[in-house]
mmCIF file of all heavy atoms, coordinates in Angstrom:
data_MODEL
# 
_entry.id   MODEL 
# 
loop_
_atom_site.group_PDB 
_atom_site.id 
_atom_site.type_symbol 
_atom_site.label_atom_id 
_atom_site.label_alt_id 
_atom_site.label_comp_id 
_atom_site.label_asym_id 
_atom_site.label_entity_id 
_atom_site.label_seq_id 
_atom_site.pdbx_PDB_ins_code 
_atom_site.Cartn_x 
_atom_site.Cartn_y 
_atom_site.Cartn_z 
_atom_site.occupancy 
_atom_site.B_iso_or_equiv 
_atom_site.pdbx_formal_charge 
_atom_site.auth_seq_id 
_atom_site.auth_comp_id 
_atom_site.auth_asym_id 
_atom_site.auth_atom_id 
_atom_site.pdbx_PDB_model_num 
ATOM 1   N N   . VAL A 1 1  ? 0.879   -1.166  0.000   1.00 0.00 ? 1  VAL A N   1 
ATOM 2   C CA  . VAL A 1 1  ? 0.000   0.000   0.000   1.00 0.00 ? 1  VAL A CA  1 
ATOM 3   C C   . VAL A 1 1  ? 0.916   1.215   0.000   1.00 0.00 ? 1  VAL A C   1 
ATOM 4   O O   . VAL A 1 1  ? 1.710   1.403   0.931   1.00 0.00 ? 1  VAL A O   1 
ATOM 5   C CB  . VAL A 1 1  ? -0.951  0.018   1.210   1.00 0.00 ? 1  VAL A CB  1 
ATOM 6   C CG1 . VAL A 1 1  ? -1.751  1.314   1.235   1.00 0.00 ? 1  VAL A CG1 1 
ATOM 7   C CG2 . VAL A 1 1  ? -1.888  -1.188  1.176   1.00 0.00 ? 1  VAL A CG2 1 
ATOM 8   N N   . ILE A 1 2  ? 0.824   2.008   -1.063  1.00 0.00 ? 2  ILE A N   1 
ATOM 9   C CA  . ILE A 1 2  ? 1.665   3.185   -1.215  1.00 0.00 ? 2  ILE A CA  1 
ATOM 10  C C   . ILE A 1 2  ? 0.836   4.415   -0.866  1.00 0.00 ? 2  ILE A C   1 
ATOM 11  O O   . ILE A 1 2  ? -0.169  4.696   -1.521  1.00 0.00 ? 2  ILE A O   1 
ATOM 12  C CB  . ILE A 1 2  ? 2.213   3.281   -2.647  1.00 0.00 ? 2  ILE A CB  1 
ATOM 13  C CG1 . ILE A 1 2  ? 3.029   2.023   -2.965  1.00 0.00 ? 2  ILE A CG1 1 
ATOM 14  C CG2 . ILE A 1 2  ? 3.046   4.548   -2.823  1.00 0.00 ? 2  ILE A CG2 1 
ATOM 15  C CD1 . ILE A 1 2  ? 3.371   1.860   -4.423  1.00 0.00 ? 2  ILE A CD1 1 
ATOM 16  N N   . VAL A 1 3  ? 1.259   5.122   0.190   1.00 0.00 ? 3  VAL A N   1 
ATOM 17  C CA  . VAL A 1 3  ? 0.565   6.317   0.651   1.00 0.00 ? 3  VAL A CA  1 
ATOM 18  C C   . VAL A 1 3  ? 1.452   7.519   0.308   1.00 0.00 ? 3  VAL A C   1 
ATOM 19  O O   . VAL A 1 3  ? 2.506   7.701   0.916   1.00 0.00 ? 3  VAL A O   1 
ATOM 20  C CB  . VAL A 1 3  ? 0.285   6.269   2.167   1.00 0.00 ? 3  VAL A CB  1 
ATOM 21  C CG1 . VAL A 1 3  ? -0.504  7.488   2.611   1.00 0.00 ? 3  VAL A CG1 1 
ATOM 22  C CG2 . VAL A 1 3  ? -0.441  4.978   2.549   1.00 0.00 ? 3  VAL A CG2 1 
ATOM 23  N N   . PRO A 1 4  ? 1.047   8.312   -0.696  1.00 0.00 ? 4  PRO A N   1 
ATOM 24  C CA  . PRO A 1 4  ? 1.890   9.438   -1.126  1.00 0.00 ? 4  PRO A CA  1 
ATOM 25  C C   . PRO A 1 4  ? 2.211   10.383  0.033   1.00 0.00 ? 4  PRO A C   1 
ATOM 26  O O   . PRO A 1 4  ? 1.342   10.715  0.828   1.00 0.00 ? 4  PRO A O   1 
ATOM 27  C CB  . PRO A 1 4  ? 1.035   10.160  -2.172  1.00 0.00 ? 4  PRO A CB  1 
ATOM 28  C CG  . PRO A 1 4  ? -0.002  9.189   -2.578  1.00 0.00 ? 4  PRO A CG  1 
ATOM 29  C CD  . PRO A 1 4  ? -0.217  8.267   -1.414  1.00 0.00 ? 4  PRO A CD  1 
ATOM 30  N N   . GLY A 1 5  ? 3.477   10.765  0.115   1.00 0.00 ? 5  GLY A N   1 
ATOM 31  C CA  . GLY A 1 5  ? 3.902   11.688  1.151   1.00 0.00 ? 5  GLY A CA  1 
ATOM 32  C C   . GLY A 1 5  ? 4.132   11.035  2.505   1.00 0.00 ? 5  GLY A C   1 
ATOM 33  O O   . GLY A 1 5  ? 4.606   11.679  3.432   1.00 0.00 ? 5  GLY A O   1 
ATOM 34  N N   . LEU A 1 6  ? 3.767   9.761   2.662   1.00 0.00 ? 6  LEU A N   1 
ATOM 35  C CA  . LEU A 1 6  ? 3.935   9.064   3.932   1.00 0.00 ? 6  LEU A CA  1 
ATOM 36  C C   . LEU A 1 6  ? 4.923   7.911   3.783   1.00 0.00 ? 6  LEU A C   1 
ATOM 37  O O   . LEU A 1 6  ? 5.940   7.860   4.441   1.00 0.00 ? 6  LEU A O   1 
ATOM 38  C CB  . LEU A 1 6  ? 2.587   8.555   4.454   1.00 0.00 ? 6  LEU A CB  1 
ATOM 39  C CG  . LEU A 1 6  ? 2.610   7.820   5.787   1.00 0.00 ? 6  LEU A CG  1 
ATOM 40  C CD1 . LEU A 1 6  ? 3.113   8.732   6.902   1.00 0.00 ? 6  LEU A CD1 1 
ATOM 41  C CD2 . LEU A 1 6  ? 1.235   7.280   6.128   1.00 0.00 ? 6  LEU A CD2 1 
ATOM 42  N N   . GLY A 1 7  ? 4.588   6.937   2.913   1.00 0.00 ? 7  GLY A N   1 
ATOM 43  C CA  . GLY A 1 7  ? 5.468   5.791   2.718   1.00 0.00 ? 7  GLY A CA  1 
ATOM 44  C C   . GLY A 1 7  ? 4.712   4.581   2.221   1.00 0.00 ? 7  GLY A C   1 
ATOM 45  O O   . GLY A 1 7  ? 3.572   4.683   1.746   1.00 0.00 ? 7  GLY A O   1 
ATOM 46  N N   . THR A 1 8  ? 5.340   3.410   2.356   1.00 0.00 ? 8  THR A N   1 
ATOM 47  C CA  . THR A 1 8  ? 4.791   2.159   1.829   1.00 0.00 ? 8  THR A CA  1 
ATOM 48  C C   . THR A 1 8  ? 4.675   1.123   2.940   1.00 0.00 ? 8  THR A C   1 
ATOM 49  O O   . THR A 1 8  ? 5.618   0.907   3.701   1.00 0.00 ? 8  THR A O   1 
ATOM 50  C CB  . THR A 1 8  ? 5.701   1.616   0.709   1.00 0.00 ? 8  THR A CB  1 
ATOM 51  O OG1 . THR A 1 8  ? 5.802   2.602   -0.316  1.00 0.00 ? 8  THR A OG1 1 
ATOM 52  C CG2 . THR A 1 8  ? 5.138   0.336   0.111   1.00 0.00 ? 8  THR A CG2 1 
ATOM 53  N N   . PHE A 1 9  ? 3.508   0.490   3.008   1.00 0.00 ? 9  PHE A N   1 
ATOM 54  C CA  . PHE A 1 9  ? 3.244   -0.612  3.928   1.00 0.00 ? 9  PHE A CA  1 
ATOM 55  C C   . PHE A 1 9  ? 3.256   -1.892  3.096   1.00 0.00 ? 9  PHE A C   1 
ATOM 56  O O   . PHE A 1 9  ? 2.481   -2.027  2.145   1.00 0.00 ? 9  PHE A O   1 
ATOM 57  C CB  . PHE A 1 9  ? 1.880   -0.443  4.598   1.00 0.00 ? 9  PHE A CB  1 
ATOM 58  C CG  . PHE A 1 9  ? 1.808   0.760   5.495   1.00 0.00 ? 9  PHE A CG  1 
ATOM 59  C CD1 . PHE A 1 9  ? 1.540   2.020   4.981   1.00 0.00 ? 9  PHE A CD1 1 
ATOM 60  C CD2 . PHE A 1 9  ? 2.000   0.632   6.861   1.00 0.00 ? 9  PHE A CD2 1 
ATOM 61  C CE1 . PHE A 1 9  ? 1.483   3.134   5.802   1.00 0.00 ? 9  PHE A CE1 1 
ATOM 62  C CE2 . PHE A 1 9  ? 1.936   1.737   7.696   1.00 0.00 ? 9  PHE A CE2 1 
ATOM 63  C CZ  . PHE A 1 9  ? 1.686   2.992   7.168   1.00 0.00 ? 9  PHE A CZ  1 
ATOM 64  N N   . THR A 1 10 ? 4.127   -2.834  3.434   1.00 0.00 ? 10 THR A N   1 
ATOM 65  C CA  . THR A 1 10 ? 4.286   -4.061  2.653   1.00 0.00 ? 10 THR A CA  1 
ATOM 66  C C   . THR A 1 10 ? 4.097   -5.275  3.545   1.00 0.00 ? 10 THR A C   1 
ATOM 67  O O   . THR A 1 10 ? 4.566   -5.289  4.686   1.00 0.00 ? 10 THR A O   1 
ATOM 68  C CB  . THR A 1 10 ? 5.692   -4.118  2.021   1.00 0.00 ? 10 THR A CB  1 
ATOM 69  O OG1 . THR A 1 10 ? 5.905   -2.943  1.245   1.00 0.00 ? 10 THR A OG1 1 
ATOM 70  C CG2 . THR A 1 10 ? 5.847   -5.333  1.124   1.00 0.00 ? 10 THR A CG2 1 
ATOM 71  N N   . GLY A 1 11 ? 3.434   -6.294  3.003   1.00 0.00 ? 11 GLY A N   1 
ATOM 72  C CA  . GLY A 1 11 ? 3.277   -7.536  3.740   1.00 0.00 ? 11 GLY A CA  1 
ATOM 73  C C   . GLY A 1 11 ? 2.121   -8.350  3.217   1.00 0.00 ? 11 GLY A C   1 
ATOM 74  O O   . GLY A 1 11 ? 1.534   -8.040  2.173   1.00 0.00 ? 11 GLY A O   1 
ATOM 75  N N   . PRO A 1 12 ? 1.759   -9.397  3.948   1.00 0.00 ? 12 PRO A N   1 
ATOM 76  C CA  . PRO A 1 12 ? 0.670   -10.269 3.526   1.00 0.00 ? 12 PRO A CA  1 
ATOM 77  C C   . PRO A 1 12 ? -0.697  -9.627  3.782   1.00 0.00 ? 12 PRO A C   1 
ATOM 78  O O   . PRO A 1 12 ? -0.929  -9.055  4.846   1.00 0.00 ? 12 PRO A O   1 
ATOM 79  C CB  . PRO A 1 12 ? 0.859   -11.522 4.385   1.00 0.00 ? 12 PRO A CB  1 
ATOM 80  C CG  . PRO A 1 12 ? 1.575   -11.046 5.597   1.00 0.00 ? 12 PRO A CG  1 
ATOM 81  C CD  . PRO A 1 12 ? 2.418   -9.882  5.163   1.00 0.00 ? 12 PRO A CD  1 
ATOM 82  N N   . PHE A 1 13 ? -1.559  -9.707  2.797   1.00 0.00 ? 13 PHE A N   1 
ATOM 83  C CA  . PHE A 1 13 ? -2.933  -9.214  2.892   1.00 0.00 ? 13 PHE A CA  1 
ATOM 84  C C   . PHE A 1 13 ? -3.878  -10.309 2.403   1.00 0.00 ? 13 PHE A C   1 
ATOM 85  O O   . PHE A 1 13 ? -3.463  -11.256 1.741   1.00 0.00 ? 13 PHE A O   1 
ATOM 86  C CB  . PHE A 1 13 ? -3.136  -7.978  1.999   1.00 0.00 ? 13 PHE A CB  1 
ATOM 87  C CG  . PHE A 1 13 ? -2.613  -6.695  2.564   1.00 0.00 ? 13 PHE A CG  1 
ATOM 88  C CD1 . PHE A 1 13 ? -1.284  -6.331  2.398   1.00 0.00 ? 13 PHE A CD1 1 
ATOM 89  C CD2 . PHE A 1 13 ? -3.450  -5.815  3.247   1.00 0.00 ? 13 PHE A CD2 1 
ATOM 90  C CE1 . PHE A 1 13 ? -0.797  -5.136  2.897   1.00 0.00 ? 13 PHE A CE1 1 
ATOM 91  C CE2 . PHE A 1 13 ? -2.965  -4.615  3.750   1.00 0.00 ? 13 PHE A CE2 1 
ATOM 92  C CZ  . PHE A 1 13 ? -1.641  -4.273  3.568   1.00 0.00 ? 13 PHE A CZ  1 
ATOM 93  N N   . PHE A 1 14 ? -5.139  -10.159 2.723   1.00 0.00 ? 14 PHE A N   1 
ATOM 94  C CA  . PHE A 1 14 ? -6.192  -10.951 2.095   1.00 0.00 ? 14 PHE A CA  1 
ATOM 95  C C   . PHE A 1 14 ? -7.429  -10.083 1.986   1.00 0.00 ? 14 PHE A C   1 
ATOM 96  O O   . PHE A 1 14 ? -7.534  -9.047  2.638   1.00 0.00 ? 14 PHE A O   1 
ATOM 97  C CB  . PHE A 1 14 ? -6.470  -12.272 2.832   1.00 0.00 ? 14 PHE A CB  1 
ATOM 98  C CG  . PHE A 1 14 ? -7.011  -12.128 4.228   1.00 0.00 ? 14 PHE A CG  1 
ATOM 99  C CD1 . PHE A 1 14 ? -8.367  -12.289 4.479   1.00 0.00 ? 14 PHE A CD1 1 
ATOM 100 C CD2 . PHE A 1 14 ? -6.171  -11.857 5.297   1.00 0.00 ? 14 PHE A CD2 1 
ATOM 101 C CE1 . PHE A 1 14 ? -8.868  -12.167 5.756   1.00 0.00 ? 14 PHE A CE1 1 
ATOM 102 C CE2 . PHE A 1 14 ? -6.658  -11.734 6.585   1.00 0.00 ? 14 PHE A CE2 1 
ATOM 103 C CZ  . PHE A 1 14 ? -8.022  -11.890 6.810   1.00 0.00 ? 14 PHE A CZ  1 
ATOM 104 N N   . VAL A 1 15 ? -8.353  -10.485 1.133   1.00 0.00 ? 15 VAL A N   1 
ATOM 105 C CA  . VAL A 1 15 ? -9.560  -9.711  0.880   1.00 0.00 ? 15 VAL A CA  1 
ATOM 106 C C   . VAL A 1 15 ? -10.671 -10.253 1.761   1.00 0.00 ? 15 VAL A C   1 
ATOM 107 O O   . VAL A 1 15 ? -11.009 -11.436 1.691   1.00 0.00 ? 15 VAL A O   1 
ATOM 108 C CB  . VAL A 1 15 ? -9.958  -9.771  -0.614  1.00 0.00 ? 15 VAL A CB  1 
ATOM 109 C CG1 . VAL A 1 15 ? -11.273 -9.065  -0.855  1.00 0.00 ? 15 VAL A CG1 1 
ATOM 110 C CG2 . VAL A 1 15 ? -8.851  -9.153  -1.463  1.00 0.00 ? 15 VAL A CG2 1 
ATOM 111 N N   . THR A 1 16 ? -11.227 -9.386  2.614   1.00 0.00 ? 16 THR A N   1 
ATOM 112 C CA  . THR A 1 16 ? -12.316 -9.811  3.498   1.00 0.00 ? 16 THR A CA  1 
ATOM 113 C C   . THR A 1 16 ? -13.678 -9.550  2.890   1.00 0.00 ? 16 THR A C   1 
ATOM 114 O O   . THR A 1 16 ? -14.666 -10.141 3.319   1.00 0.00 ? 16 THR A O   1 
ATOM 115 C CB  . THR A 1 16 ? -12.257 -9.083  4.851   1.00 0.00 ? 16 THR A CB  1 
ATOM 116 O OG1 . THR A 1 16 ? -12.358 -7.670  4.623   1.00 0.00 ? 16 THR A OG1 1 
ATOM 117 C CG2 . THR A 1 16 ? -10.975 -9.401  5.585   1.00 0.00 ? 16 THR A CG2 1 
ATOM 118 N N   . ASP A 1 17 ? -13.743 -8.651  1.917   1.00 0.00 ? 17 ASP A N   1 
ATOM 119 C CA  . ASP A 1 17 ? -15.025 -8.294  1.324   1.00 0.00 ? 17 ASP A CA  1 
ATOM 120 C C   . ASP A 1 17 ? -14.788 -7.902  -0.137  1.00 0.00 ? 17 ASP A C   1 
ATOM 121 O O   . ASP A 1 17 ? -13.954 -7.045  -0.414  1.00 0.00 ? 17 ASP A O   1 
ATOM 122 C CB  . ASP A 1 17 ? -15.641 -7.128  2.097   1.00 0.00 ? 17 ASP A CB  1 
ATOM 123 C CG  . ASP A 1 17 ? -17.084 -6.874  1.737   1.00 0.00 ? 17 ASP A CG  1 
ATOM 124 O OD1 . ASP A 1 17 ? -17.818 -7.841  1.502   1.00 0.00 ? 17 ASP A OD1 1 
ATOM 125 O OD2 . ASP A 1 17 ? -17.470 -5.692  1.678   1.00 0.00 ? 17 ASP A OD2 1 
ATOM 126 N N   . PHE A 1 18 ? -15.489 -8.555  -1.047  1.00 0.00 ? 18 PHE A N   1 
ATOM 127 C CA  . PHE A 1 18 ? -15.391 -8.226  -2.460  1.00 0.00 ? 18 PHE A CA  1 
ATOM 128 C C   . PHE A 1 18 ? -16.801 -8.177  -3.030  1.00 0.00 ? 18 PHE A C   1 
ATOM 129 O O   . PHE A 1 18 ? -17.613 -9.049  -2.749  1.00 0.00 ? 18 PHE A O   1 
ATOM 130 C CB  . PHE A 1 18 ? -14.582 -9.286  -3.226  1.00 0.00 ? 18 PHE A CB  1 
ATOM 131 C CG  . PHE A 1 18 ? -14.434 -8.967  -4.680  1.00 0.00 ? 18 PHE A CG  1 
ATOM 132 C CD1 . PHE A 1 18 ? -13.382 -8.191  -5.132  1.00 0.00 ? 18 PHE A CD1 1 
ATOM 133 C CD2 . PHE A 1 18 ? -15.361 -9.417  -5.599  1.00 0.00 ? 18 PHE A CD2 1 
ATOM 134 C CE1 . PHE A 1 18 ? -13.253 -7.867  -6.474  1.00 0.00 ? 18 PHE A CE1 1 
ATOM 135 C CE2 . PHE A 1 18 ? -15.249 -9.103  -6.945  1.00 0.00 ? 18 PHE A CE2 1 
ATOM 136 C CZ  . PHE A 1 18 ? -14.189 -8.322  -7.379  1.00 0.00 ? 18 PHE A CZ  1 
ATOM 137 N N   . GLU A 1 19 ? -17.063 -7.153  -3.823  1.00 0.00 ? 19 GLU A N   1 
ATOM 138 C CA  . GLU A 1 19 ? -18.382 -7.025  -4.441  1.00 0.00 ? 19 GLU A CA  1 
ATOM 139 C C   . GLU A 1 19 ? -18.227 -6.578  -5.887  1.00 0.00 ? 19 GLU A C   1 
ATOM 140 O O   . GLU A 1 19 ? -17.504 -5.633  -6.179  1.00 0.00 ? 19 GLU A O   1 
ATOM 141 C CB  . GLU A 1 19 ? -19.222 -6.007  -3.682  1.00 0.00 ? 19 GLU A CB  1 
ATOM 142 C CG  . GLU A 1 19 ? -20.624 -5.846  -4.235  1.00 0.00 ? 19 GLU A CG  1 
ATOM 143 C CD  . GLU A 1 19 ? -21.446 -4.872  -3.423  1.00 0.00 ? 19 GLU A CD  1 
ATOM 144 O OE1 . GLU A 1 19 ? -21.533 -5.041  -2.194  1.00 0.00 ? 19 GLU A OE1 1 
ATOM 145 O OE2 . GLU A 1 19 ? -21.996 -3.936  -4.029  1.00 0.00 ? 19 GLU A OE2 1 
ATOM 146 N N   . ALA A 1 20 ? -18.901 -7.284  -6.781  1.00 0.00 ? 20 ALA A N   1 
ATOM 147 C CA  . ALA A 1 20 ? -18.992 -6.866  -8.182  1.00 0.00 ? 20 ALA A CA  1 
ATOM 148 C C   . ALA A 1 20 ? -20.387 -6.286  -8.380  1.00 0.00 ? 20 ALA A C   1 
ATOM 149 O O   . ALA A 1 20 ? -21.374 -6.784  -7.828  1.00 0.00 ? 20 ALA A O   1 
ATOM 150 C CB  . ALA A 1 20 ? -18.777 -8.055  -9.114  1.00 0.00 ? 20 ALA A CB  1 
ATOM 151 N N   . SER A 1 21 ? -20.477 -5.208  -9.161  1.00 0.00 ? 21 SER A N   1 
ATOM 152 C CA  . SER A 1 21 ? -21.770 -4.571  -9.363  1.00 0.00 ? 21 SER A CA  1 
ATOM 153 C C   . SER A 1 21 ? -21.834 -3.974  -10.764 1.00 0.00 ? 21 SER A C   1 
ATOM 154 O O   . SER A 1 21 ? -20.827 -3.760  -11.421 1.00 0.00 ? 21 SER A O   1 
ATOM 155 C CB  . SER A 1 21 ? -22.000 -3.473  -8.317  1.00 0.00 ? 21 SER A CB  1 
ATOM 156 O OG  . SER A 1 21 ? -20.987 -2.490  -8.412  1.00 0.00 ? 21 SER A OG  1 
ATOM 157 N N   . GLY A 1 22 ? -23.030 -3.722  -11.196 1.00 0.00 ? 22 GLY A N   1 
ATOM 158 C CA  . GLY A 1 22 ? -23.229 -3.108  -12.502 1.00 0.00 ? 22 GLY A CA  1 
ATOM 159 C C   . GLY A 1 22 ? -24.705 -2.903  -12.762 1.00 0.00 ? 22 GLY A C   1 
ATOM 160 O O   . GLY A 1 22 ? -25.558 -3.455  -12.084 1.00 0.00 ? 22 GLY A O   1 
ATOM 161 N N   . ASP A 1 23 ? -24.992 -2.066  -13.743 1.00 0.00 ? 23 ASP A N   1 
ATOM 162 C CA  . ASP A 1 23 ? -26.380 -1.872  -14.140 1.00 0.00 ? 23 ASP A CA  1 
ATOM 163 C C   . ASP A 1 23 ? -26.499 -2.137  -15.639 1.00 0.00 ? 23 ASP A C   1 
ATOM 164 O O   . ASP A 1 23 ? -25.559 -2.606  -16.278 1.00 0.00 ? 23 ASP A O   1 
ATOM 165 C CB  . ASP A 1 23 ? -26.898 -0.485  -13.745 1.00 0.00 ? 23 ASP A CB  1 
ATOM 166 C CG  . ASP A 1 23 ? -26.125 0.658   -14.385 1.00 0.00 ? 23 ASP A CG  1 
ATOM 167 O OD1 . ASP A 1 23 ? -25.577 0.467   -15.485 1.00 0.00 ? 23 ASP A OD1 1 
ATOM 168 O OD2 . ASP A 1 23 ? -26.089 1.752   -13.803 1.00 0.00 ? 23 ASP A OD2 1 
ATOM 169 N N   . MET A 1 24 ? -27.616 -1.831  -16.198 1.00 0.00 ? 24 MET A N   1 
ATOM 170 C CA  . MET A 1 24 ? -27.906 -2.176  -17.589 1.00 0.00 ? 24 MET A CA  1 
ATOM 171 C C   . MET A 1 24 ? -26.977 -1.498  -18.599 1.00 0.00 ? 24 MET A C   1 
ATOM 172 O O   . MET A 1 24 ? -26.674 -2.071  -19.635 1.00 0.00 ? 24 MET A O   1 
ATOM 173 C CB  . MET A 1 24 ? -29.356 -1.813  -17.929 1.00 0.00 ? 24 MET A CB  1 
ATOM 174 C CG  . MET A 1 24 ? -30.372 -2.607  -17.153 1.00 0.00 ? 24 MET A CG  1 
ATOM 175 S SD  . MET A 1 24 ? -30.416 -4.324  -17.618 1.00 0.00 ? 24 MET A SD  1 
ATOM 176 C CE  . MET A 1 24 ? -31.141 -4.198  -19.235 1.00 0.00 ? 24 MET A CE  1 
ATOM 177 N N   . GLU A 1 25 ? -26.545 -0.278  -18.323 1.00 0.00 ? 25 GLU A N   1 
ATOM 178 C CA  . GLU A 1 25 ? -25.811 0.471   -19.329 1.00 0.00 ? 25 GLU A CA  1 
ATOM 179 C C   . GLU A 1 25 ? -24.334 0.671   -19.044 1.00 0.00 ? 25 GLU A C   1 
ATOM 180 O O   . GLU A 1 25 ? -23.548 0.840   -19.967 1.00 0.00 ? 25 GLU A O   1 
ATOM 181 C CB  . GLU A 1 25 ? -26.475 1.844   -19.529 1.00 0.00 ? 25 GLU A CB  1 
ATOM 182 C CG  . GLU A 1 25 ? -27.870 1.727   -20.110 1.00 0.00 ? 25 GLU A CG  1 
ATOM 183 C CD  . GLU A 1 25 ? -28.502 3.085   -20.341 1.00 0.00 ? 25 GLU A CD  1 
ATOM 184 O OE1 . GLU A 1 25 ? -27.990 4.091   -19.826 1.00 0.00 ? 25 GLU A OE1 1 
ATOM 185 O OE2 . GLU A 1 25 ? -29.517 3.123   -21.048 1.00 0.00 ? 25 GLU A OE2 1 
ATOM 186 N N   . ASN A 1 26 ? -23.954 0.697   -17.790 1.00 0.00 ? 26 ASN A N   1 
ATOM 187 C CA  . ASN A 1 26 ? -22.564 1.001   -17.450 1.00 0.00 ? 26 ASN A CA  1 
ATOM 188 C C   . ASN A 1 26 ? -21.715 -0.256  -17.359 1.00 0.00 ? 26 ASN A C   1 
ATOM 189 O O   . ASN A 1 26 ? -22.225 -1.373  -17.307 1.00 0.00 ? 26 ASN A O   1 
ATOM 190 C CB  . ASN A 1 26 ? -22.507 1.772   -16.134 1.00 0.00 ? 26 ASN A CB  1 
ATOM 191 C CG  . ASN A 1 26 ? -23.136 3.140   -16.262 1.00 0.00 ? 26 ASN A CG  1 
ATOM 192 O OD1 . ASN A 1 26 ? -22.909 3.835   -17.242 1.00 0.00 ? 26 ASN A OD1 1 
ATOM 193 N ND2 . ASN A 1 26 ? -23.954 3.511   -15.295 1.00 0.00 ? 26 ASN A ND2 1 
# 
């Protein structure tokens, strides 16, 4: 995770919540 002006956090992550979405036109 690169935070401009602060620095970088590096290490193991996992996704706790994922959502796909969409409508008719977009």
